PDB file of N, CA and C in Angstrom:
ATOM      1  N   MET A   1     -69.455  18.196 135.705  1.00  0.00           N
ATOM      2  CA  MET A   1     -69.808  16.875 135.210  1.00  0.00           C
ATOM      3  C   MET A   1     -69.852  15.873 136.349  1.00  0.00           C
ATOM      4  N   ARG A   2     -68.890  15.983 137.260  1.00  0.00           N
ATOM      5  CA  ARG A   2     -68.891  15.069 138.407  1.00  0.00           C
ATOM      6  C   ARG A   2     -70.142  15.280 139.257  1.00  0.00           C
ATOM      7  N   ALA A   3     -70.548  16.469 139.387  1.00  0.00           N
ATOM      8  CA  ALA A   3     -71.728  16.770 140.200  1.00  0.00           C
ATOM      9  C   ALA A   3     -72.976  16.145 139.583  1.00  0.00           C
ATOM     10  N   ILE A   4     -73.068  16.193 138.272  1.00  0.00           N
ATOM     11  CA  ILE A   4     -74.231  15.606 137.587  1.00  0.00           C
ATOM     12  C   ILE A   4     -74.199  14.088 137.726  1.00  0.00           C
ATOM     13  N   THR A   5     -73.045  13.462 137.544  1.00  0.00           N
ATOM     14  CA  THR A   5     -72.905  12.014 137.676  1.00  0.00           C
ATOM     15  C   THR A   5     -73.217  11.578 139.099  1.00  0.00           C
ATOM     16  N   ALA A   6     -72.701  12.315 140.084  1.00  0.00           N
ATOM     17  CA  ALA A   6     -72.974  11.976 141.483  1.00  0.00           C
ATOM     18  C   ALA A   6     -74.451  12.119 141.788  1.00  0.00           C
ATOM     19  N   ALA A   7     -75.082  13.160 141.279  1.00  0.00           N
ATOM     20  CA  ALA A   7     -76.511  13.372 141.510  1.00  0.00           C
ATOM     21  C   ALA A   7     -77.328  12.243 140.876  1.00  0.00           C
ATOM     22  N   PHE A   8     -76.899  11.833 139.665  1.00  0.00           N
ATOM     23  CA  PHE A   8     -77.596  10.739 138.988  1.00  0.00           C
ATOM     24  C   PHE A   8     -77.526   9.447 139.805  1.00  0.00           C
ATOM     25  N   PHE A   9     -76.333   9.070 140.271  1.00  0.00           N
ATOM     26  CA  PHE A   9     -76.182   7.845 141.060  1.00  0.00           C
ATOM     27  C   PHE A   9     -76.930   7.939 142.369  1.00  0.00           C
ATOM     28  N   LEU A  10     -76.927   9.123 142.984  1.00  0.00           N
ATOM     29  CA  LEU A  10     -77.664   9.313 144.235  1.00  0.00           C
ATOM     30  C   LEU A  10     -79.157   9.131 144.011  1.00  0.00           C
ATOM     31  N   SER A  11     -79.676   9.682 142.914  1.00  0.00           N
ATOM     32  CA  SER A  11     -81.105   9.524 142.636  1.00  0.00           C
ATOM     33  C   SER A  11     -81.458   8.071 142.330  1.00  0.00           C
ATOM     34  N   VAL A  12     -80.565   7.356 141.635  1.00  0.00           N
ATOM     35  CA  VAL A  12     -80.810   5.931 141.343  1.00  0.00           C
ATOM     36  C   VAL A  12     -80.829   5.139 142.638  1.00  0.00           C
ATOM     37  N   LEU A  13     -79.894   5.419 143.529  1.00  0.00           N
ATOM     38  CA  LEU A  13     -79.862   4.716 144.815  1.00  0.00           C
ATOM     39  C   LEU A  13     -81.103   4.999 145.638  1.00  0.00           C
ATOM     40  N   MET A  14     -81.569   6.227 145.593  1.00  0.00           N
ATOM     41  CA  MET A  14     -82.771   6.575 146.367  1.00  0.00           C
ATOM     42  C   MET A  14     -84.004   5.875 145.804  1.00  0.00           C
ATOM     43  N   MET A  15     -84.054   5.694 144.481  1.00  0.00           N
ATOM     44  CA  MET A  15     -85.192   4.990 143.890  1.00  0.00           C
ATOM     45  C   MET A  15     -85.147   3.499 144.205  1.00  0.00           C
ATOM     46  N   MET A  16     -83.969   2.949 144.343  1.00  0.00           N
ATOM     47  CA  MET A  16     -83.831   1.520 144.608  1.00  0.00           C
ATOM     48  C   MET A  16     -84.003   1.195 146.077  1.00  0.00           C
ATOM     49  N   ALA A  17     -83.816   2.132 146.964  1.00  0.00           N
ATOM     50  CA  ALA A  17     -83.909   1.884 148.397  1.00  0.00           C
ATOM     51  C   ALA A  17     -85.264   1.331 148.807  1.00  0.00           C
ATOM     52  N   PRO A  18     -86.397   1.862 148.338  1.00  0.00           N
ATOM     53  CA  PRO A  18     -87.687   1.275 148.731  1.00  0.00           C
ATOM     54  C   PRO A  18     -87.830  -0.173 148.256  1.00  0.00           C
ATOM     55  N   ALA A  19     -87.277  -0.485 147.103  1.00  0.00           N
ATOM     56  CA  ALA A  19     -87.355  -1.862 146.593  1.00  0.00           C
ATOM     57  C   ALA A  19     -86.557  -2.794 147.487  1.00  0.00           C
ATOM     58  N   TRP A  20     -85.399  -2.352 147.973  1.00  0.00           N
ATOM     59  CA  TRP A  20     -84.596  -3.176 148.879  1.00  0.00           C
ATOM     60  C   TRP A  20     -85.312  -3.393 150.199  1.00  0.00           C
ATOM     61  N   ALA A  21     -86.018  -2.381 150.645  1.00  0.00           N
ATOM     62  CA  ALA A  21     -86.712  -2.476 151.932  1.00  0.00           C
ATOM     63  C   ALA A  21     -87.835  -3.493 151.870  1.00  0.00           C
ATOM     64  N   GLN A  22     -88.421  -3.687 150.692  1.00  0.00           N
ATOM     65  CA  GLN A  22     -89.527  -4.630 150.554  1.00  0.00           C
ATOM     66  C   GLN A  22     -89.059  -6.071 150.487  1.00  0.00           C
ATOM     67  N   ASP A  23     -87.850  -6.273 150.032  1.00  0.00           N
ATOM     68  CA  ASP A  23     -87.314  -7.633 149.943  1.00  0.00           C
ATOM     69  C   ASP A  23     -87.027  -8.172 151.333  1.00  0.00           C
ATOM     70  N   ALA A  24     -87.318  -9.453 151.513  1.00  0.00           N
ATOM     71  CA  ALA A  24     -87.008 -10.102 152.781  1.00  0.00           C
ATOM     72  C   ALA A  24     -85.513 -10.409 152.812  1.00  0.00           C
ATOM     73  N   PRO A  25     -84.963 -10.543 153.988  1.00  0.00           N
ATOM     74  CA  PRO A  25     -83.547 -10.917 154.073  1.00  0.00           C
ATOM     75  C   PRO A  25     -83.300 -12.247 153.369  1.00  0.00           C
ATOM     76  N   ALA A  26     -82.106 -12.409 152.893  1.00  0.00           N
ATOM     77  CA  ALA A  26     -81.768 -13.601 152.114  1.00  0.00           C
ATOM     78  C   ALA A  26     -81.999 -14.877 152.910  1.00  0.00           C
ATOM     79  N   GLY A  27     -81.659 -14.902 154.174  1.00  0.00           N
ATOM     80  CA  GLY A  27     -81.836 -16.093 155.004  1.00  0.00           C
ATOM     81  C   GLY A  27     -83.288 -16.476 155.173  1.00  0.00           C
ATOM     82  N   VAL A  28     -84.178 -15.497 155.281  1.00  0.00           N
ATOM     83  CA  VAL A  28     -85.599 -15.767 155.445  1.00  0.00           C
ATOM     84  C   VAL A  28     -86.178 -16.336 154.165  1.00  0.00           C
ATOM     85  N   ALA A  29     -85.819 -15.739 153.040  1.00  0.00           N
ATOM     86  CA  ALA A  29     -86.347 -16.227 151.764  1.00  0.00           C
ATOM     87  C   ALA A  29     -85.895 -17.653 151.513  1.00  0.00           C
ATOM     88  N   THR A  30     -84.658 -17.957 151.838  1.00  0.00           N
ATOM     89  CA  THR A  30     -84.143 -19.303 151.630  1.00  0.00           C
ATOM     90  C   THR A  30     -84.859 -20.294 152.529  1.00  0.00           C
ATOM     91  N   ALA A  31     -85.106 -19.925 153.754  1.00  0.00           N
ATOM     92  CA  ALA A  31     -85.777 -20.828 154.690  1.00  0.00           C
ATOM     93  C   ALA A  31     -87.202 -21.106 154.233  1.00  0.00           C
ATOM     94  N   GLN A  32     -87.896 -20.083 153.728  1.00  0.00           N
ATOM     95  CA  GLN A  32     -89.250 -20.296 153.247  1.00  0.00           C
ATOM     96  C   GLN A  32     -89.254 -21.193 152.025  1.00  0.00           C
ATOM     97  N   HIS A  33     -88.273 -21.036 151.167  1.00  0.00           N
ATOM     98  CA  HIS A  33     -88.183 -21.859 149.957  1.00  0.00           C
ATOM     99  C   HIS A  33     -88.019 -23.320 150.326  1.00  0.00           C
ATOM    100  N   HIS A  34     -87.175 -23.614 151.282  1.00  0.00           N
ATOM    101  CA  HIS A  34     -86.927 -25.001 151.659  1.00  0.00           C
ATOM    102  C   HIS A  34     -88.095 -25.612 152.415  1.00  0.00           C
ATOM    103  N   SER A  35     -88.864 -24.797 153.141  1.00  0.00           N
ATOM    104  CA  SER A  35     -89.972 -25.356 153.905  1.00  0.00           C
ATOM    105  C   SER A  35     -91.086 -25.851 152.994  1.00  0.00           C
ATOM    106  N   SER A  36     -91.227 -25.266 151.786  1.00  0.00           N
ATOM    107  CA  SER A  36     -92.275 -25.702 150.875  1.00  0.00           C
ATOM    108  C   SER A  36     -91.801 -26.834 149.968  1.00  0.00           C
ATOM    109  N   ALA A  37     -90.514 -27.117 149.960  1.00  0.00           N
ATOM    110  CA  ALA A  37     -89.969 -28.175 149.110  1.00  0.00           C
ATOM    111  C   ALA A  37     -90.286 -29.545 149.702  1.00  0.00           C
ATOM    112  N   VAL A  38     -90.315 -30.543 148.845  1.00  0.00           N
ATOM    113  CA  VAL A  38     -90.560 -31.921 149.274  1.00  0.00           C
ATOM    114  C   VAL A  38     -89.314 -32.423 150.004  1.00  0.00           C
ATOM    115  N   PRO A  39     -89.491 -33.018 151.161  1.00  0.00           N
ATOM    116  CA  PRO A  39     -88.316 -33.520 151.889  1.00  0.00           C
ATOM    117  C   PRO A  39     -87.668 -34.670 151.124  1.00  0.00           C
ATOM    118  N   PRO A  40     -86.380 -34.850 151.286  1.00  0.00           N
ATOM    119  CA  PRO A  40     -85.706 -35.950 150.587  1.00  0.00           C
ATOM    120  C   PRO A  40     -86.228 -37.291 151.089  1.00  0.00           C
ATOM    121  N   PRO A  41     -86.203 -38.302 150.232  1.00  0.00           N
ATOM    122  CA  PRO A  41     -86.714 -39.615 150.648  1.00  0.00           C
ATOM    123  C   PRO A  41     -85.848 -40.220 151.751  1.00  0.00           C
ATOM    124  N   THR A  42     -86.509 -40.980 152.598  1.00  0.00           N
ATOM    125  CA  THR A  42     -85.792 -41.654 153.676  1.00  0.00           C
ATOM    126  C   THR A  42     -85.074 -42.876 153.111  1.00  0.00           C
ATOM    127  N   PRO A  43     -84.113 -43.418 153.838  1.00  0.00           N
ATOM    128  CA  PRO A  43     -83.432 -44.634 153.354  1.00  0.00           C
ATOM    129  C   PRO A  43     -84.404 -45.786 153.107  1.00  0.00           C
ATOM    130  N   ALA A  44     -85.437 -45.897 153.931  1.00  0.00           N
ATOM    131  CA  ALA A  44     -86.423 -46.968 153.741  1.00  0.00           C
ATOM    132  C   ALA A  44     -87.184 -46.767 152.426  1.00  0.00           C
ATOM    133  N   GLU A  45     -87.526 -45.509 152.121  1.00  0.00           N
ATOM    134  CA  GLU A  45     -88.230 -45.227 150.869  1.00  0.00           C
ATOM    135  C   GLU A  45     -87.337 -45.503 149.664  1.00  0.00           C
ATOM    136  N   ILE A  46     -86.081 -45.153 149.780  1.00  0.00           N
ATOM    137  CA  ILE A  46     -85.132 -45.419 148.693  1.00  0.00           C
ATOM    138  C   ILE A  46     -85.013 -46.920 148.458  1.00  0.00           C
ATOM    139  N   GLU A  47     -84.914 -47.682 149.526  1.00  0.00           N
ATOM    140  CA  GLU A  47     -84.801 -49.151 149.417  1.00  0.00           C
ATOM    141  C   GLU A  47     -86.064 -49.735 148.794  1.00  0.00           C
ATOM    142  N   LEU A  48     -87.238 -49.225 149.200  1.00  0.00           N
ATOM    143  CA  LEU A  48     -88.500 -49.701 148.650  1.00  0.00           C
ATOM    144  C   LEU A  48     -88.566 -49.405 147.153  1.00  0.00           C
ATOM    145  N   GLN A  49     -88.171 -48.200 146.758  1.00  0.00           N
ATOM    146  CA  GLN A  49     -88.160 -47.850 145.335  1.00  0.00           C
ATOM    147  C   GLN A  49     -87.209 -48.751 144.553  1.00  0.00           C
ATOM    148  N   ARG A  50     -86.052 -49.043 145.124  1.00  0.00           N
ATOM    149  CA  ARG A  50     -85.071 -49.903 144.462  1.00  0.00           C
ATOM    150  C   ARG A  50     -85.633 -51.309 144.266  1.00  0.00           C
ATOM    151  N   ARG A  51     -86.288 -51.836 145.330  1.00  0.00           N
ATOM    152  CA  ARG A  51     -86.871 -53.187 145.224  1.00  0.00           C
ATOM    153  C   ARG A  51     -88.003 -53.228 144.207  1.00  0.00           C
ATOM    154  N   MET A  52     -88.836 -52.172 144.186  1.00  0.00           N
ATOM    155  CA  MET A  52     -89.945 -52.133 143.239  1.00  0.00           C
ATOM    156  C   MET A  52     -89.426 -52.062 141.795  1.00  0.00           C
ATOM    157  N   GLU A  53     -88.377 -51.285 141.572  1.00  0.00           N
ATOM    158  CA  GLU A  53     -87.780 -51.191 140.243  1.00  0.00           C
ATOM    159  C   GLU A  53     -87.184 -52.536 139.825  1.00  0.00           C
ATOM    160  N   LYS A  54     -86.528 -53.203 140.761  1.00  0.00           N
ATOM    161  CA  LYS A  54     -85.949 -54.515 140.470  1.00  0.00           C
ATOM    162  C   LYS A  54     -87.049 -55.516 140.111  1.00  0.00           C
ATOM    163  N   GLN A  55     -88.168 -55.466 140.850  1.00  0.00           N
ATOM    164  CA  GLN A  55     -89.276 -56.373 140.574  1.00  0.00           C
ATOM    165  C   GLN A  55     -89.882 -56.073 139.190  1.00  0.00           C
ATOM    166  N   ARG A  56     -90.038 -54.779 138.853  1.00  0.00           N
ATOM    167  CA  ARG A  56     -90.565 -54.422 137.525  1.00  0.00           C
ATOM    168  C   ARG A  56     -89.645 -54.935 136.427  1.00  0.00           C
ATOM    169  N   ASN A  57     -88.337 -54.819 136.624  1.00  0.00           N
ATOM    170  CA  ASN A  57     -87.386 -55.304 135.625  1.00  0.00           C
ATOM    171  C   ASN A  57     -87.469 -56.822 135.478  1.00  0.00           C
ATOM    172  N   GLN A  58     -87.621 -57.530 136.609  1.00  0.00           N
ATOM    173  CA  GLN A  58     -87.748 -58.991 136.552  1.00  0.00           C
ATOM    174  C   GLN A  58     -89.019 -59.390 135.813  1.00  0.00           C
ATOM    175  N   GLU A  59     -90.131 -58.689 136.083  1.00  0.00           N
ATOM    176  CA  GLU A  59     -91.391 -58.996 135.404  1.00  0.00           C
ATOM    177  C   GLU A  59     -91.286 -58.712 133.906  1.00  0.00           C
ATOM    178  N   ARG A  60     -90.651 -57.591 133.554  1.00  0.00           N
ATOM    179  CA  ARG A  60     -90.463 -57.244 132.144  1.00  0.00           C
ATOM    180  C   ARG A  60     -89.616 -58.304 131.446  1.00  0.00           C
ATOM    181  N   PHE A  61     -88.534 -58.746 132.111  1.00  0.00           N
ATOM    182  CA  PHE A  61     -87.675 -59.780 131.526  1.00  0.00           C
ATOM    183  C   PHE A  61     -88.450 -61.088 131.349  1.00  0.00           C
ATOM    184  N   ALA A  62     -89.282 -61.449 132.330  1.00  0.00           N
ATOM    185  CA  ALA A  62     -90.072 -62.685 132.225  1.00  0.00           C
ATOM    186  C   ALA A  62     -91.042 -62.605 131.041  1.00  0.00           C
ATOM    187  N   LYS A  63     -91.667 -61.436 130.840  1.00  0.00           N
ATOM    188  CA  LYS A  63     -92.575 -61.268 129.701  1.00  0.00           C
ATOM    189  C   LYS A  63     -91.814 -61.372 128.376  1.00  0.00           C
ATOM    190  N   ILE A  64     -90.634 -60.764 128.333  1.00  0.00           N
ATOM    191  CA  ILE A  64     -89.814 -60.832 127.116  1.00  0.00           C
ATOM    192  C   ILE A  64     -89.433 -62.277 126.816  1.00  0.00           C
ATOM    193  N   LYS A  65     -89.039 -63.027 127.842  1.00  0.00           N
ATOM    194  CA  LYS A  65     -88.660 -64.431 127.667  1.00  0.00           C
ATOM    195  C   LYS A  65     -89.846 -65.254 127.170  1.00  0.00           C
ATOM    196  N   LYS A  66     -91.020 -65.020 127.769  1.00  0.00           N
ATOM    197  CA  LYS A  66     -92.226 -65.747 127.356  1.00  0.00           C
ATOM    198  C   LYS A  66     -92.563 -65.424 125.899  1.00  0.00           C
ATOM    199  N   ASP A  67     -92.483 -64.146 125.540  1.00  0.00           N
ATOM    200  CA  ASP A  67     -92.796 -63.748 124.169  1.00  0.00           C
ATOM    201  C   ASP A  67     -91.794 -64.298 123.162  1.00  0.00           C
ATOM    202  N   THR A  68     -90.523 -64.338 123.535  1.00  0.00           N
ATOM    203  CA  THR A  68     -89.529 -64.890 122.604  1.00  0.00           C
ATOM    204  C   THR A  68     -89.702 -66.392 122.449  1.00  0.00           C
ATOM    205  N   ASP A  69     -90.114 -67.069 123.513  1.00  0.00           N
ATOM    206  CA  ASP A  69     -90.425 -68.500 123.391  1.00  0.00           C
ATOM    207  C   ASP A  69     -91.585 -68.701 122.424  1.00  0.00           C
ATOM    208  N   GLN A  70     -92.588 -67.832 122.530  1.00  0.00           N
ATOM    209  CA  GLN A  70     -93.735 -67.917 121.628  1.00  0.00           C
ATOM    210  C   GLN A  70     -93.312 -67.589 120.198  1.00  0.00           C
ATOM    211  N   LEU A  71     -92.401 -66.627 120.046  1.00  0.00           N
ATOM    212  CA  LEU A  71     -91.888 -66.299 118.712  1.00  0.00           C
ATOM    213  C   LEU A  71     -91.204 -67.502 118.078  1.00  0.00           C
ATOM    214  N   LEU A  72     -90.401 -68.196 118.862  1.00  0.00           N
ATOM    215  CA  LEU A  72     -89.712 -69.382 118.351  1.00  0.00           C
ATOM    216  C   LEU A  72     -90.722 -70.433 117.909  1.00  0.00           C
ATOM    217  N   GLU A  73     -91.746 -70.642 118.714  1.00  0.00           N
ATOM    218  CA  GLU A  73     -92.779 -71.633 118.376  1.00  0.00           C
ATOM    219  C   GLU A  73     -93.499 -71.239 117.079  1.00  0.00           C
ATOM    220  N   LEU A  74     -93.871 -69.975 116.971  1.00  0.00           N
ATOM    221  CA  LEU A  74     -94.557 -69.519 115.759  1.00  0.00           C
ATOM    222  C   LEU A  74     -93.652 -69.625 114.534  1.00  0.00           C
ATOM    223  N   ALA A  75     -92.388 -69.277 114.683  1.00  0.00           N
ATOM    224  CA  ALA A  75     -91.449 -69.376 113.560  1.00  0.00           C
ATOM    225  C   ALA A  75     -91.269 -70.823 113.131  1.00  0.00           C
ATOM    226  N   THR A  76     -91.227 -71.742 114.101  1.00  0.00           N
ATOM    227  CA  THR A  76     -91.108 -73.166 113.788  1.00  0.00           C
ATOM    228  C   THR A  76     -92.343 -73.650 113.029  1.00  0.00           C
ATOM    229  N   GLN A  77     -93.520 -73.225 113.496  1.00  0.00           N
ATOM    230  CA  GLN A  77     -94.762 -73.595 112.811  1.00  0.00           C
ATOM    231  C   GLN A  77     -94.800 -73.012 111.397  1.00  0.00           C
ATOM    232  N   LEU A  78     -94.345 -71.775 111.264  1.00  0.00           N
ATOM    233  CA  LEU A  78     -94.326 -71.137 109.948  1.00  0.00           C
ATOM    234  C   LEU A  78     -93.395 -71.891 108.998  1.00  0.00           C
ATOM    235  N   LYS A  79     -92.263 -72.291 109.495  1.00  0.00           N
ATOM    236  CA  LYS A  79     -91.296 -73.046 108.680  1.00  0.00           C
ATOM    237  C   LYS A  79     -91.918 -74.352 108.190  1.00  0.00           C
ATOM    238  N   LYS A  80     -92.607 -75.067 109.092  1.00  0.00           N
ATOM    239  CA  LYS A  80     -93.251 -76.329 108.706  1.00  0.00           C
ATOM    240  C   LYS A  80     -94.324 -76.084 107.660  1.00  0.00           C
ATOM    241  N   SER A  81     -95.121 -75.027 107.852  1.00  0.00           N
ATOM    242  CA  SER A  81     -96.202 -74.718 106.907  1.00  0.00           C
ATOM    243  C   SER A  81     -95.651 -74.366 105.537  1.00  0.00           C
ATOM    244  N   VAL A  82     -94.569 -73.595 105.502  1.00  0.00           N
ATOM    245  CA  VAL A  82     -93.966 -73.217 104.225  1.00  0.00           C
ATOM    246  C   VAL A  82     -93.366 -74.449 103.555  1.00  0.00           C
ATOM    247  N   ASP A  83     -92.743 -75.334 104.340  1.00  0.00           N
ATOM    248  CA  ASP A  83     -92.158 -76.549 103.769  1.00  0.00           C
ATOM    249  C   ASP A  83     -93.234 -77.448 103.166  1.00  0.00           C
ATOM    250  N   GLN A  84     -94.415 -77.470 103.757  1.00  0.00           N
ATOM    251  CA  GLN A  84     -95.494 -78.335 103.274  1.00  0.00           C
ATOM    252  C   GLN A  84     -96.242 -77.729 102.094  1.00  0.00           C
ATOM    253  N   ALA A  85     -96.161 -76.411 101.939  1.00  0.00           N
ATOM    254  CA  ALA A  85     -96.895 -75.749 100.849  1.00  0.00           C
ATOM    255  C   ALA A  85     -96.180 -76.001  99.522  1.00  0.00           C
ATOM    256  N   SER A  86     -96.968 -75.937  98.467  1.00  0.00           N
ATOM    257  CA  SER A  86     -96.358 -76.079  97.140  1.00  0.00           C
ATOM    258  C   SER A  86     -95.749 -74.736  96.742  1.00  0.00           C
ATOM    259  N   ASP A  87     -94.910 -74.781  95.720  1.00  0.00           N
ATOM    260  CA  ASP A  87     -94.272 -73.539  95.303  1.00  0.00           C
ATOM    261  C   ASP A  87     -95.238 -72.625  94.544  1.00  0.00           C
ATOM    262  N   GLN A  88     -96.441 -73.073  94.320  1.00  0.00           N
ATOM    263  CA  GLN A  88     -97.446 -72.271  93.624  1.00  0.00           C
ATOM    264  C   GLN A  88     -98.334 -71.478  94.599  1.00  0.00           C
ATOM    265  N   THR A  89     -98.606 -72.055  95.771  1.00  0.00           N
ATOM    266  CA  THR A  89     -99.556 -71.409  96.690  1.00  0.00           C
ATOM    267  C   THR A  89     -99.063 -71.471  98.138  1.00  0.00           C
ATOM    268  N   LEU A  90     -99.403 -70.436  98.843  1.00  0.00           N
ATOM    269  CA  LEU A  90     -99.204 -70.419 100.288  1.00  0.00           C
ATOM    270  C   LEU A  90    -100.577 -70.237 100.925  1.00  0.00           C
ATOM    271  N   SER A  91    -100.838 -70.970 101.972  1.00  0.00           N
ATOM    272  CA  SER A  91    -102.162 -70.908 102.583  1.00  0.00           C
ATOM    273  C   SER A  91    -102.340 -69.601 103.357  1.00  0.00           C
ATOM    274  N   LEU A  92    -103.599 -69.286 103.629  1.00  0.00           N
ATOM    275  CA  LEU A  92    -103.931 -68.112 104.423  1.00  0.00           C
ATOM    276  C   LEU A  92    -103.373 -68.245 105.830  1.00  0.00           C
ATOM    277  N   ASP A  93    -103.287 -69.482 106.308  1.00  0.00           N
ATOM    278  CA  ASP A  93    -102.742 -69.749 107.644  1.00  0.00           C
ATOM    279  C   ASP A  93    -101.282 -69.295 107.738  1.00  0.00           C
ATOM    280  N   VAL A  94    -100.522 -69.490 106.675  1.00  0.00           N
ATOM    281  CA  VAL A  94     -99.111 -69.090 106.656  1.00  0.00           C
ATOM    282  C   VAL A  94     -99.005 -67.566 106.749  1.00  0.00           C
ATOM    283  N   ILE A  95     -99.858 -66.880 106.020  1.00  0.00           N
ATOM    284  CA  ILE A  95     -99.836 -65.411 106.044  1.00  0.00           C
ATOM    285  C   ILE A  95    -100.225 -64.895 107.424  1.00  0.00           C
ATOM    286  N   ARG A  96    -101.239 -65.487 108.022  1.00  0.00           N
ATOM    287  CA  ARG A  96    -101.661 -65.076 109.372  1.00  0.00           C
ATOM    288  C   ARG A  96    -100.558 -65.326 110.403  1.00  0.00           C
ATOM    289  N   LYS A  97     -99.902 -66.463 110.269  1.00  0.00           N
ATOM    290  CA  LYS A  97     -98.819 -66.793 111.197  1.00  0.00           C
ATOM    291  C   LYS A  97     -97.671 -65.788 111.055  1.00  0.00           C
ATOM    292  N   ALA A  98     -97.363 -65.392 109.829  1.00  0.00           N
ATOM    293  CA  ALA A  98     -96.309 -64.399 109.599  1.00  0.00           C
ATOM    294  C   ALA A  98     -96.697 -63.055 110.209  1.00  0.00           C
ATOM    295  N   GLU A  99     -97.974 -62.687 110.102  1.00  0.00           N
ATOM    296  CA  GLU A  99     -98.444 -61.443 110.716  1.00  0.00           C
ATOM    297  C   GLU A  99     -98.348 -61.515 112.243  1.00  0.00           C
ATOM    298  N   GLN A 100     -98.695 -62.673 112.807  1.00  0.00           N
ATOM    299  CA  GLN A 100     -98.573 -62.861 114.263  1.00  0.00           C
ATOM    300  C   GLN A 100     -97.128 -62.688 114.710  1.00  0.00           C
ATOM    301  N   ILE A 101     -96.222 -63.273 113.943  1.00  0.00           N
ATOM    302  CA  ILE A 101     -94.795 -63.185 114.276  1.00  0.00           C
ATOM    303  C   ILE A 101     -94.347 -61.729 114.232  1.00  0.00           C
ATOM    304  N   GLU A 102     -94.759 -61.031 113.208  1.00  0.00           N
ATOM    305  CA  GLU A 102     -94.368 -59.628 113.063  1.00  0.00           C
ATOM    306  C   GLU A 102     -94.888 -58.786 114.236  1.00  0.00           C
ATOM    307  N   LYS A 103     -96.139 -58.984 114.588  1.00  0.00           N
ATOM    308  CA  LYS A 103     -96.737 -58.233 115.695  1.00  0.00           C
ATOM    309  C   LYS A 103     -96.028 -58.547 117.017  1.00  0.00           C
ATOM    310  N   LEU A 104     -95.790 -59.803 117.266  1.00  0.00           N
ATOM    311  CA  LEU A 104     -95.130 -60.215 118.504  1.00  0.00           C
ATOM    312  C   LEU A 104     -93.689 -59.719 118.555  1.00  0.00           C
ATOM    313  N   ALA A 105     -93.019 -59.740 117.414  1.00  0.00           N
ATOM    314  CA  ALA A 105     -91.634 -59.250 117.365  1.00  0.00           C
ATOM    315  C   ALA A 105     -91.582 -57.755 117.688  1.00  0.00           C
ATOM    316  N   ARG A 106     -92.548 -56.984 117.208  1.00  0.00           N
ATOM    317  CA  ARG A 106     -92.609 -55.557 117.547  1.00  0.00           C
ATOM    318  C   ARG A 106     -92.821 -55.359 119.053  1.00  0.00           C
ATOM    319  N   GLN A 107     -93.717 -56.156 119.624  1.00  0.00           N
ATOM    320  CA  GLN A 107     -93.981 -56.044 121.059  1.00  0.00           C
ATOM    321  C   GLN A 107     -92.731 -56.360 121.879  1.00  0.00           C
ATOM    322  N   VAL A 108     -92.004 -57.386 121.476  1.00  0.00           N
ATOM    323  CA  VAL A 108     -90.781 -57.752 122.177  1.00  0.00           C
ATOM    324  C   VAL A 108     -89.764 -56.624 122.088  1.00  0.00           C
ATOM    325  N   ARG A 109     -89.619 -56.065 120.895  1.00  0.00           N
ATOM    326  CA  ARG A 109     -88.673 -54.959 120.712  1.00  0.00           C
ATOM    327  C   ARG A 109     -89.041 -53.774 121.591  1.00  0.00           C
ATOM    328  N   GLN A 110     -90.341 -53.449 121.662  1.00  0.00           N
ATOM    329  CA  GLN A 110     -90.783 -52.331 122.497  1.00  0.00           C
ATOM    330  C   GLN A 110     -90.507 -52.588 123.974  1.00  0.00           C
ATOM    331  N   LYS A 111     -90.715 -53.819 124.406  1.00  0.00           N
ATOM    332  CA  LYS A 111     -90.436 -54.159 125.806  1.00  0.00           C
ATOM    333  C   LYS A 111     -88.953 -54.072 126.111  1.00  0.00           C
ATOM    334  N   MET A 112     -88.123 -54.432 125.150  1.00  0.00           N
ATOM    335  CA  MET A 112     -86.675 -54.381 125.368  1.00  0.00           C
ATOM    336  C   MET A 112     -86.195 -52.935 125.444  1.00  0.00           C
ATOM    337  N   VAL A 113     -86.796 -52.056 124.663  1.00  0.00           N
ATOM    338  CA  VAL A 113     -86.386 -50.650 124.634  1.00  0.00           C
ATOM    339  C   VAL A 113     -86.944 -49.903 125.847  1.00  0.00           C
ATOM    340  N   ALA A 114     -88.111 -50.301 126.319  1.00  0.00           N
ATOM    341  CA  ALA A 114     -88.744 -49.598 127.452  1.00  0.00           C
ATOM    342  C   ALA A 114     -87.868 -49.686 128.682  1.00  0.00           C
ATOM    343  N   GLU A 115     -88.000 -48.687 129.492  1.00  0.00           N
ATOM    344  CA  GLU A 115     -87.201 -48.673 130.711  1.00  0.00           C
ATOM    345  C   GLU A 115     -87.593 -49.766 131.562  1.00  0.00           C
TER     346      GLU A 115
END
C-alpha cells in the first residue's frame, strides 16, 4: 500500500513539475504587476484634488443657499395669494406657485444629498 501511495504522489509531482517550470518566479511576476499599475498621486496632485473638491462643495452650497432663498420668496408669495383668495376659489397662479415650490424643494433636497 505504501508503494502505491508513494508512486501516486511521485506521479502527481512529475505532472506538476512542467507547470511549475512555466510559471515565472514570484519576484518577477510581482514586479511586472506593479509596472503596469497607475503610480500613486503626487502630493501636488492630492492638494489639487482637495482644492477642487472644496471648490465644488462651496459652489454646491452657494446653489443650495440661492435655491432656498428662492423657496422662501415663493412660499411668501404663495401665502399672500392664499390670504387674498376667497374660501371658494384658488387661482391658477396659486397652483402654479405651489408646483414651483415643490419642484424647487426636490432640487434642493437632491443637491443636499449629492456628494
